């Protein structure tokens, strides 16, 4: 027989337990089945959610904001208004140096290829590949600062601390080559990009998915050679011993993702001693290939070399390669008449050669190539500073409508998508937001933007959070 006190005591604990469980469930704090026991992470190849034509991606990120109305998006109306006040509202970033005076492009445009794509005289090599690319003229992030717009295009939000696109791709798909990093960042010898390592950060994904930096000068990867005292059998015995110790250490600490990732990084470093040297050795390439990339041209030799290395990496199964230009190379607030041509000369030949070379080798169909920055420029003059001529003027930031191009991996060829207004200020037709772009990329890799998730603090984290994000089917082949 139970006393009334016993009945109340037992019932209270039971009711309280049910209430607590209900509260935890409602707040997504209950452990899901995949959280029970340790989770394992690796870079072995993984099946996508569905069919995906793309297997790899090379992104050439032009930080600073290439001026779209001077390169890809000619504006006759802007030329007509040259020297006159802009007929509308302008969203400046730097009000101190701002003006309302319109500036038509000082460079000439011509139509090229069967697509009849308009290209500025500043990009003679790009004009040779127009029938292989989709030119998007209606990109939009709407956050008129470099950092926030860079974050938007790289990790999906305007704040840092999140995984970049390359990390998501390697997390979702792994890598076809276990002897090379799955995700590589190729930096510019003139300086790191804005935000530094955030450009290839794994965020809160396990550190296994962080981009590996390959330096712009030799040694591109330091410490690949073992010291003389450890070469050959001595190193093999040493590494086997360390591997055994690491395995025992990990077994005693199941579920430690960071520890597991570090051990795998050490093991990858050992395998890279041979594989990385071979992959980065462009002396194996023919003279004709080097000439194609402009390695004999001092103006673009460095970037051409990195483009060639990028091709060699994806050819060997690397999933994602990001090339960055130096800190704010394209941020032409002033001296645009000299700075913009120089920026174009630096990248034009190498970028075009990459598309040509991938196509010749049968790799373009499965490799997405991206070229673009985090913003464009405004149609009005900035920083006139009282001078009567325009030798020192530039253009301010514009994230409300700008251009970039993509090729391969399932994108249309010789296609122009979207449009900005008559002055190039706002995207007005078939707008592509950064989250639309990400959803489209994932789709081409066979990944569902909603299914590609990582459980963190009880909630499913995704790259594409905006519920309005769409796959831009009009730019797909």
Protein backbone atom coordinates (compact mmCIF):
# COMPACT_ATOMS: atom_id res chain seq x y z
CA UNK A 1 0.00 0.00 0.00
CA UNK A 2 1.20 3.50 -0.90
CA UNK A 3 0.65 6.49 1.29
CA UNK A 4 -0.75 9.71 -0.11
CA UNK A 5 2.70 11.26 0.33
CA UNK A 6 4.34 8.49 -1.73
CA UNK A 7 1.75 8.83 -4.50
CA UNK A 8 2.23 12.61 -4.70
CA UNK A 9 6.03 12.27 -4.58
CA UNK A 10 6.17 9.75 -7.42
CA UNK A 11 3.58 11.58 -9.54
CA UNK A 12 5.33 14.91 -9.14
CA UNK A 13 8.61 13.51 -10.39
CA UNK A 14 6.87 11.81 -13.31
CA UNK A 15 4.89 14.92 -14.29
CA UNK A 16 7.99 17.08 -13.91
CA UNK A 17 10.01 14.75 -16.12
CA UNK A 18 7.36 14.84 -18.83
CA UNK A 19 7.16 18.64 -18.63
CA UNK A 20 10.94 18.96 -18.85
CA UNK A 21 11.16 16.62 -21.83
CA UNK A 22 8.40 18.56 -23.59
CA UNK A 23 10.18 21.86 -22.96
CA UNK A 24 13.50 20.49 -24.25
CA UNK A 25 11.80 19.11 -27.35
CA UNK A 26 10.05 22.40 -28.12
CA UNK A 27 13.38 24.26 -27.87
CA UNK A 28 15.25 21.69 -30.02
CA UNK A 29 17.49 20.74 -27.11
CA UNK A 30 16.80 17.03 -27.05
CA UNK A 31 19.53 14.85 -28.49
CA UNK A 32 18.58 13.53 -31.90
CA UNK A 33 19.56 9.97 -32.88
CA UNK A 34 22.63 11.20 -34.78
CA UNK A 35 23.83 13.03 -31.67
CA UNK A 36 23.87 9.88 -29.55
CA UNK A 37 27.45 8.66 -29.65
CA UNK A 38 30.42 10.29 -31.37
CA UNK A 39 30.13 11.79 -34.85
CA UNK A 40 32.84 11.00 -37.36
CA UNK A 41 34.12 13.41 -40.01
CA UNK A 42 36.42 12.73 -42.93
CA UNK A 43 37.17 13.82 -46.51
CA UNK A 44 36.31 10.55 -48.24
CA UNK A 45 34.12 10.99 -51.35
CA UNK A 46 30.41 11.20 -50.51
CA UNK A 47 27.34 10.79 -52.66
CA UNK A 48 25.33 13.99 -53.32
CA UNK A 49 21.61 14.18 -52.63
CA UNK A 50 20.83 13.93 -56.33
CA UNK A 51 22.43 14.22 -59.75
CA UNK A 52 25.05 16.93 -59.95
CA UNK A 53 27.01 17.78 -63.07
CA UNK A 54 29.63 19.80 -61.18
CA UNK A 55 32.42 17.94 -59.39
CA UNK A 56 34.80 20.81 -58.61
CA UNK A 57 34.88 24.60 -58.43
CA UNK A 58 37.50 27.27 -59.08
CA UNK A 59 36.56 30.73 -57.82
CA UNK A 60 38.55 33.80 -58.85
CA UNK A 61 37.52 36.42 -56.31
CA UNK A 62 38.25 40.00 -57.39
CA UNK A 63 38.10 41.79 -54.07
CA UNK A 64 37.29 45.47 -54.10
CA UNK A 65 34.52 45.59 -56.67
CA UNK A 66 35.23 45.57 -60.44
CA UNK A 67 33.44 48.42 -62.21
CA UNK A 68 30.71 46.64 -64.18
CA UNK A 69 29.77 49.63 -66.37
CA UNK A 70 33.42 49.83 -67.48
CA UNK A 71 33.87 46.10 -68.12
CA UNK A 72 30.68 44.08 -68.79
CA UNK A 73 27.62 46.32 -68.75
CA UNK A 74 27.78 49.24 -71.23
CA UNK A 75 25.40 52.14 -70.52
CA UNK A 76 24.72 54.47 -73.49
CA UNK A 77 22.36 56.53 -71.33
CA UNK A 78 25.12 57.09 -68.79
CA UNK A 79 27.40 58.28 -71.58
CA UNK A 80 24.66 60.65 -72.72
CA UNK A 81 24.49 62.12 -69.21
CA UNK A 82 28.27 62.35 -68.86
CA UNK A 83 29.14 65.49 -66.86
CA UNK A 84 25.49 66.12 -65.86
CA UNK A 85 23.75 65.49 -62.56
CA UNK A 86 22.45 61.99 -61.94
CA UNK A 87 18.65 62.04 -62.49
CA UNK A 88 17.62 60.26 -59.32
CA UNK A 89 18.77 59.10 -55.89
CA UNK A 90 22.27 57.71 -55.41
CA UNK A 91 23.16 55.41 -52.52
CA UNK A 92 26.67 56.48 -51.60
CA UNK A 93 29.01 54.65 -49.29
CA UNK A 94 31.49 57.52 -48.88
CA UNK A 95 29.43 60.72 -48.69
CA UNK A 96 32.53 62.86 -48.11
CA UNK A 97 33.96 62.14 -51.53
CA UNK A 98 30.63 61.80 -53.32
CA UNK A 99 29.21 63.78 -56.22
CA UNK A 100 26.13 63.62 -58.42
CA UNK A 101 28.11 64.07 -61.62
CA UNK A 102 27.62 61.19 -64.04
CA UNK A 103 30.67 59.59 -65.62
CA UNK A 104 30.27 57.57 -68.77
CA UNK A 105 32.81 54.84 -69.34
CA UNK A 106 36.02 56.15 -70.92
CA UNK A 107 36.57 52.73 -72.53
CA UNK A 108 35.03 51.34 -75.70
CA UNK A 109 32.82 48.26 -75.92
CA UNK A 110 32.41 45.75 -78.74
CA UNK A 111 30.24 42.71 -79.22
CA UNK A 112 31.95 39.32 -79.42
CA UNK A 113 31.13 35.72 -80.22
CA UNK A 114 27.91 34.17 -81.42
CA UNK A 115 26.29 35.46 -78.24
CA UNK A 116 27.08 39.07 -79.18
CA UNK A 117 28.21 39.76 -75.64
CA UNK A 118 29.39 43.32 -74.98
CA UNK A 119 32.93 43.44 -73.58
CA UNK A 120 35.17 46.36 -72.74
CA UNK A 121 38.47 46.90 -74.50
CA UNK A 122 40.10 46.36 -71.10
CA UNK A 123 39.36 42.60 -71.32
CA UNK A 124 40.69 41.41 -74.69
CA UNK A 125 41.24 37.83 -73.52
CA UNK A 126 37.83 37.51 -71.92
CA UNK A 127 36.32 38.42 -75.29
CA UNK A 128 37.67 35.06 -76.58
CA UNK A 129 35.62 32.97 -74.14
CA UNK A 130 32.26 34.79 -74.13
CA UNK A 131 30.52 31.84 -75.79
CA UNK A 132 31.60 29.59 -72.90
CA UNK A 133 30.30 31.72 -70.02
CA UNK A 134 27.13 33.01 -68.42
CA UNK A 135 27.42 36.72 -67.66
CA UNK A 136 25.20 37.71 -64.75
CA UNK A 137 24.50 41.46 -64.88
CA UNK A 138 22.03 41.53 -62.01
CA UNK A 139 23.96 40.45 -58.91
CA UNK A 140 22.82 41.98 -55.63
CA UNK A 141 23.84 41.79 -51.98
CA UNK A 142 22.53 45.17 -50.82
CA UNK A 143 25.12 45.66 -48.07
CA UNK A 144 27.31 48.51 -49.24
CA UNK A 145 30.53 47.65 -47.42
CA UNK A 146 33.34 45.34 -48.47
CA UNK A 147 33.39 43.09 -45.41
CA UNK A 148 29.67 42.46 -45.18
CA UNK A 149 29.29 41.87 -48.91
CA UNK A 150 32.30 39.53 -48.97
CA UNK A 151 30.77 37.55 -46.11
CA UNK A 152 27.43 37.42 -47.96
CA UNK A 153 29.00 35.91 -51.07
CA UNK A 154 31.34 33.55 -49.21
CA UNK A 155 29.30 32.28 -46.25
CA UNK A 156 25.73 33.36 -46.96
CA UNK A 157 25.37 35.99 -44.22
CA UNK A 158 26.73 39.51 -43.66
CA UNK A 159 28.60 38.44 -40.53
CA UNK A 160 31.69 36.32 -39.97
CA UNK A 161 32.26 33.15 -37.99
CA UNK A 162 30.43 30.91 -40.48
CA UNK A 163 31.69 28.24 -42.90
CA UNK A 164 32.55 29.42 -46.40
CA UNK A 165 31.15 27.83 -49.54
CA UNK A 166 34.31 25.74 -50.03
CA UNK A 167 33.95 24.30 -46.53
CA UNK A 168 30.33 23.37 -47.18
CA UNK A 169 31.25 21.66 -50.46
CA UNK A 170 34.00 19.58 -48.87
CA UNK A 171 31.78 18.77 -45.87
CA UNK A 172 29.00 17.60 -48.18
CA UNK A 173 31.02 15.83 -50.85
CA UNK A 174 34.49 15.09 -49.51
CA UNK A 175 37.37 14.87 -51.95
CA UNK A 176 38.42 12.60 -54.80
CA UNK A 177 42.09 12.80 -53.75
CA UNK A 178 43.12 11.84 -50.22
CA UNK A 179 46.72 12.95 -50.80
CA UNK A 180 45.91 16.63 -51.40
CA UNK A 181 43.79 19.15 -49.47
CA UNK A 182 40.13 19.12 -50.49
CA UNK A 183 39.84 22.91 -50.30
CA UNK A 184 42.70 25.22 -51.31
CA UNK A 185 43.18 28.99 -51.13
CA UNK A 186 45.70 30.60 -53.50
CA UNK A 187 46.65 34.04 -52.20
CA UNK A 188 48.17 37.07 -53.93
CA UNK A 189 51.81 38.01 -53.25
CA UNK A 190 50.72 41.66 -52.97
CA UNK A 191 48.82 40.94 -49.78
CA UNK A 192 46.10 38.92 -48.12
CA UNK A 193 42.49 39.69 -49.10
CA UNK A 194 40.24 41.78 -46.88
CA UNK A 195 39.12 39.73 -43.83
CA UNK A 196 42.18 37.49 -44.16
CA UNK A 197 41.59 33.87 -43.18
CA UNK A 198 37.82 34.42 -42.95
CA UNK A 199 37.82 34.03 -46.74
CA UNK A 200 38.49 30.28 -46.41
CA UNK A 201 37.23 29.67 -42.87
CA UNK A 202 35.48 26.48 -41.77
CA UNK A 203 33.50 28.53 -39.22
CA UNK A 204 31.88 26.10 -36.79
CA UNK A 205 32.30 23.08 -39.06
CA UNK A 206 35.10 20.76 -37.93
CA UNK A 207 38.51 22.22 -38.76
CA UNK A 208 39.04 19.42 -41.26
CA UNK A 209 36.99 21.53 -43.71
CA UNK A 210 39.04 24.72 -43.49
CA UNK A 211 40.80 25.86 -46.67
CA UNK A 212 44.52 25.12 -46.93
CA UNK A 213 46.60 28.12 -47.99
CA UNK A 214 49.10 27.61 -50.77
CA UNK A 215 51.46 30.55 -50.69
CA UNK A 216 52.08 32.74 -53.75
CA UNK A 217 55.85 32.23 -53.66
CA UNK A 218 58.17 29.29 -53.16
CA UNK A 219 58.05 27.36 -50.98
CA UNK A 220 54.31 27.37 -51.67
CA UNK A 221 53.80 24.82 -48.88
CA UNK A 222 56.54 25.02 -46.25
CA UNK A 223 58.18 22.02 -44.58
CA UNK A 224 57.22 19.44 -47.18
CA UNK A 225 60.71 17.97 -47.08
CA UNK A 226 61.61 15.84 -44.11
CA UNK A 227 64.93 16.61 -42.41
CA UNK A 228 67.83 14.41 -43.51
CA UNK A 229 67.77 12.55 -40.20
CA UNK A 230 64.20 11.37 -40.85
CA UNK A 231 64.15 10.63 -44.57
CA UNK A 232 63.21 7.19 -45.86
CA UNK A 233 62.55 4.29 -43.49
CA UNK A 234 63.28 6.39 -40.41
CA UNK A 235 60.41 8.73 -41.22
CA UNK A 236 58.06 5.86 -42.04
CA UNK A 237 58.76 4.20 -38.67
CA UNK A 238 58.36 7.51 -36.86
CA UNK A 239 55.04 8.29 -38.54
CA UNK A 240 53.70 4.80 -37.83
CA UNK A 241 54.60 5.26 -34.16
CA UNK A 242 52.92 8.68 -33.99
CA UNK A 243 49.84 7.32 -35.77
CA UNK A 244 49.52 4.54 -33.20
CA UNK A 245 49.79 7.03 -30.34
CA UNK A 246 47.21 9.30 -31.96
CA UNK A 247 44.82 6.41 -32.45
CA UNK A 248 45.07 5.38 -28.80
CA UNK A 249 44.62 9.01 -27.72
CA UNK A 250 41.50 9.40 -29.88
CA UNK A 251 39.96 6.11 -28.74
CA UNK A 252 40.14 7.37 -25.17
CA UNK A 253 38.32 10.55 -26.21
CA UNK A 254 35.51 9.54 -28.59
CA UNK A 255 33.57 12.30 -30.28
CA UNK A 256 36.36 14.91 -30.14
CA UNK A 257 35.90 16.29 -33.65
CA UNK A 258 38.73 18.85 -33.38
CA UNK A 259 41.17 16.19 -32.20
CA UNK A 260 40.13 13.85 -34.99
CA UNK A 261 40.46 16.63 -37.56
CA UNK A 262 43.95 17.54 -36.34
CA UNK A 263 45.10 13.94 -36.54
CA UNK A 264 43.74 13.65 -40.07
CA UNK A 265 45.51 16.91 -40.99
CA UNK A 266 48.82 15.51 -39.75
CA UNK A 267 48.29 12.34 -41.77
CA UNK A 268 47.40 14.39 -44.86
CA UNK A 269 50.58 16.45 -44.41
CA UNK A 270 52.66 13.28 -44.58
CA UNK A 271 50.94 12.12 -47.77
CA UNK A 272 51.35 15.58 -49.31
CA UNK A 273 55.15 15.33 -49.29
CA UNK A 274 55.01 13.65 -52.66
CA UNK A 275 51.58 14.56 -54.05
CA UNK A 276 51.74 18.32 -53.42
CA UNK A 277 55.17 18.73 -54.95
CA UNK A 278 54.00 17.04 -58.12
CA UNK A 279 50.72 18.99 -58.30
CA UNK A 280 52.42 22.38 -57.85
CA UNK A 281 55.23 21.73 -60.33
CA UNK A 282 54.20 23.68 -63.44
CA UNK A 283 57.54 22.84 -65.09
CA UNK A 284 55.78 19.66 -66.19
CA UNK A 285 53.53 21.76 -68.42
CA UNK A 286 54.30 22.39 -72.10
CA UNK A 287 55.63 25.69 -73.38
CA UNK A 288 52.36 26.20 -75.28
CA UNK A 289 50.31 25.81 -72.08
CA UNK A 290 52.49 28.28 -70.21
CA UNK A 291 52.14 30.75 -73.05
CA UNK A 292 48.36 30.31 -73.03
CA UNK A 293 48.28 31.35 -69.36
CA UNK A 294 50.54 34.36 -70.02
CA UNK A 295 53.39 33.12 -67.87
CA UNK A 296 55.73 34.80 -70.36
CA UNK A 297 53.88 38.11 -69.85
CA UNK A 298 55.19 40.05 -66.83
CA UNK A 299 51.87 41.90 -66.38
CA UNK A 300 49.89 38.71 -65.75
CA UNK A 301 52.46 35.98 -65.13
CA UNK A 302 51.79 35.63 -61.40
CA UNK A 303 48.01 35.29 -61.69
CA UNK A 304 48.38 33.05 -64.74
CA UNK A 305 50.63 30.76 -62.71
CA UNK A 306 48.02 30.46 -59.98
CA UNK A 307 45.30 29.74 -62.55
CA UNK A 308 47.46 26.96 -63.99
CA UNK A 309 48.04 25.54 -60.51
CA UNK A 310 44.28 25.64 -59.91
CA UNK A 311 43.69 23.59 -63.04
CA UNK A 312 46.35 21.07 -61.96
CA UNK A 313 44.69 20.74 -58.56
CA UNK A 314 41.14 20.09 -59.78
CA UNK A 315 42.57 17.75 -62.40
CA UNK A 316 43.92 15.70 -59.48
CA UNK A 317 40.64 15.59 -57.57
CA UNK A 318 40.73 18.70 -55.37
CA UNK A 319 37.15 19.79 -54.75
CA UNK A 320 37.41 23.58 -54.39
CA UNK A 321 40.11 26.13 -55.26
CA UNK A 322 39.80 29.85 -54.46
CA UNK A 323 42.10 32.46 -56.02
CA UNK A 324 42.20 35.90 -54.44
CA UNK A 325 43.54 39.18 -55.73
CA UNK A 326 45.46 41.47 -53.39
CA UNK A 327 43.84 43.63 -50.78
CA UNK A 328 41.29 45.92 -52.53
CA UNK A 329 42.95 45.80 -55.96
CA UNK A 330 39.60 46.63 -57.58
CA UNK A 331 38.47 49.26 -55.06
CA UNK A 332 38.85 52.17 -57.47
CA UNK A 333 37.68 55.15 -55.42
CA UNK A 334 40.23 57.26 -57.28
CA UNK A 335 42.62 57.03 -60.23
CA UNK A 336 40.30 54.60 -61.97
CA UNK A 337 41.73 55.49 -65.40
CA UNK A 338 45.06 53.91 -64.45
CA UNK A 339 44.11 51.48 -61.65
CA UNK A 340 41.36 49.62 -63.51
CA UNK A 341 43.43 48.83 -66.64
CA UNK A 342 46.26 47.58 -64.42
CA UNK A 343 43.90 45.31 -62.46
CA UNK A 344 42.53 43.89 -65.72
CA UNK A 345 45.97 43.22 -67.18
CA UNK A 346 46.89 41.30 -64.05
CA UNK A 347 44.06 38.74 -64.34
CA UNK A 348 42.56 38.81 -67.83
CA UNK A 349 44.80 36.37 -69.68
CA UNK A 350 45.08 33.83 -66.89
CA UNK A 351 41.34 33.78 -66.22
CA UNK A 352 40.47 33.26 -69.89
CA UNK A 353 43.18 30.62 -70.28
CA UNK A 354 41.73 28.66 -67.38
CA UNK A 355 38.39 28.28 -69.17
CA UNK A 356 40.08 27.44 -72.49
CA UNK A 357 42.40 24.88 -70.90
CA UNK A 358 39.67 23.16 -68.87
CA UNK A 359 37.54 22.91 -72.00
CA UNK A 360 40.39 21.45 -74.05
CA UNK A 361 40.97 18.78 -71.41
CA UNK A 362 37.30 17.85 -71.07
CA UNK A 363 37.12 19.23 -67.54
CA UNK A 364 34.92 22.28 -68.03
CA UNK A 365 31.68 20.29 -68.09
CA UNK A 366 32.31 19.19 -64.50
CA UNK A 367 34.21 22.21 -63.16
CA UNK A 368 32.47 25.47 -62.24
CA UNK A 369 34.61 28.55 -62.89
CA UNK A 370 33.63 31.80 -61.18
CA UNK A 371 35.01 35.33 -61.72
CA UNK A 372 33.75 38.33 -59.78
CA UNK A 373 33.97 40.56 -56.73
CA UNK A 374 31.74 41.49 -53.84
CA UNK A 375 30.31 44.59 -55.53
CA UNK A 376 30.41 46.91 -58.53
CA UNK A 377 30.78 50.69 -58.73
CA UNK A 378 28.49 53.70 -58.93
CA UNK A 379 27.76 55.62 -62.16
CA UNK A 380 28.87 58.94 -60.64
CA UNK A 381 32.25 60.54 -60.02
CA UNK A 382 33.96 60.21 -56.68
CA UNK A 383 36.92 62.21 -55.30
CA UNK A 384 37.10 64.97 -57.87
CA UNK A 385 38.75 67.13 -55.16
CA UNK A 386 38.21 70.34 -57.08
CA UNK A 387 40.25 69.31 -60.14
CA UNK A 388 38.79 70.23 -63.53
CA UNK A 389 39.96 67.09 -65.31
CA UNK A 390 39.19 63.49 -64.42
CA UNK A 391 42.67 62.06 -64.14
CA UNK A 392 42.37 61.30 -60.41
CA UNK A 393 38.68 60.49 -60.01
CA UNK A 394 37.09 57.14 -59.26
CA UNK A 395 33.79 55.44 -58.47
CA UNK A 396 32.22 54.54 -55.11
CA UNK A 397 30.80 51.17 -53.97
CA UNK A 398 27.65 49.66 -55.45
CA UNK A 399 26.19 46.38 -54.18
CA UNK A 400 22.70 47.03 -55.56
CA UNK A 401 23.53 45.86 -59.07
CA UNK A 402 26.79 44.45 -60.45
CA UNK A 403 28.23 41.82 -62.77
CA UNK A 404 30.11 38.55 -62.50
CA UNK A 405 30.57 35.57 -64.77
CA UNK A 406 30.44 31.79 -64.36
CA UNK A 407 31.30 28.94 -66.71
CA UNK A 408 31.14 25.15 -66.86
CA UNK A 409 29.65 22.67 -64.44
CA UNK A 410 26.12 22.96 -65.84
CA UNK A 411 25.86 26.70 -66.46
CA UNK A 412 24.68 27.93 -69.86
CA UNK A 413 27.23 28.95 -72.47
CA UNK A 414 27.17 32.31 -74.23
CA UNK A 415 24.33 33.61 -72.08
CA UNK A 416 23.57 37.05 -70.58
CA UNK A 417 21.31 37.04 -67.55
CA UNK A 418 19.54 39.98 -65.94
CA UNK A 419 20.06 43.72 -66.28
CA UNK A 420 20.70 46.87 -64.31
CA UNK A 421 18.92 50.17 -64.91
CA UNK A 422 20.03 52.60 -67.62
CA UNK A 423 22.80 53.93 -65.36
CA UNK A 424 24.00 50.65 -63.84
CA UNK A 425 22.98 51.57 -60.29
CA UNK A 426 20.31 48.96 -59.46
CA UNK A 427 19.61 45.44 -60.70
CA UNK A 428 16.11 45.66 -62.19
CA UNK A 429 15.61 42.47 -64.18
CA UNK A 430 16.04 38.84 -63.09
CA UNK A 431 17.85 39.83 -59.90
CA UNK A 432 20.27 37.25 -58.47
CA UNK A 433 20.84 37.64 -54.75
CA UNK A 434 23.80 36.01 -53.04
CA UNK A 435 21.55 33.35 -51.53
CA UNK A 436 20.09 32.54 -54.98
CA UNK A 437 23.63 32.13 -56.27
CA UNK A 438 24.50 29.72 -53.44
CA UNK A 439 21.33 27.68 -53.92
CA UNK A 440 22.14 27.39 -57.63
CA UNK A 441 25.72 26.29 -57.00
CA UNK A 442 24.65 23.61 -54.53
CA UNK A 443 22.05 22.39 -57.02
CA UNK A 444 24.72 21.97 -59.71
CA UNK A 445 26.75 19.85 -57.27
CA UNK A 446 23.69 17.69 -56.62
CA UNK A 447 23.25 19.10 -53.11
CA UNK A 448 19.91 20.19 -51.68
CA UNK A 449 20.30 23.53 -49.88
CA UNK A 450 17.90 22.37 -47.15
CA UNK A 451 19.41 18.93 -46.67
CA UNK A 452 23.04 20.07 -46.54
CA UNK A 453 23.08 20.85 -42.84
CA UNK A 454 25.22 20.57 -39.71
CA UNK A 455 23.66 20.07 -36.31
CA UNK A 456 25.03 22.64 -33.86
CA UNK A 457 23.68 23.58 -30.45
CA UNK A 458 20.54 21.60 -31.14
CA UNK A 459 19.64 23.25 -34.44
CA UNK A 460 20.34 22.44 -38.07
CA UNK A 461 22.71 24.99 -39.60
CA UNK A 462 22.70 25.53 -43.38
CA UNK A 463 24.51 27.68 -45.93
CA UNK A 464 21.29 29.03 -47.48
CA UNK A 465 19.03 30.35 -44.71
CA UNK A 466 16.82 32.77 -46.64
CA UNK A 467 13.44 31.08 -47.30
CA UNK A 468 13.10 33.07 -50.54
CA UNK A 469 16.29 31.59 -52.02
CA UNK A 470 15.77 29.94 -55.39
CA UNK A 471 17.72 27.95 -57.93
CA UNK A 472 18.17 30.31 -60.89
CA UNK A 473 17.07 27.87 -63.57
CA UNK A 474 17.42 30.43 -66.38
CA UNK A 475 21.22 30.22 -66.19
CA UNK A 476 21.39 26.41 -66.21
CA UNK A 477 22.20 24.49 -69.36
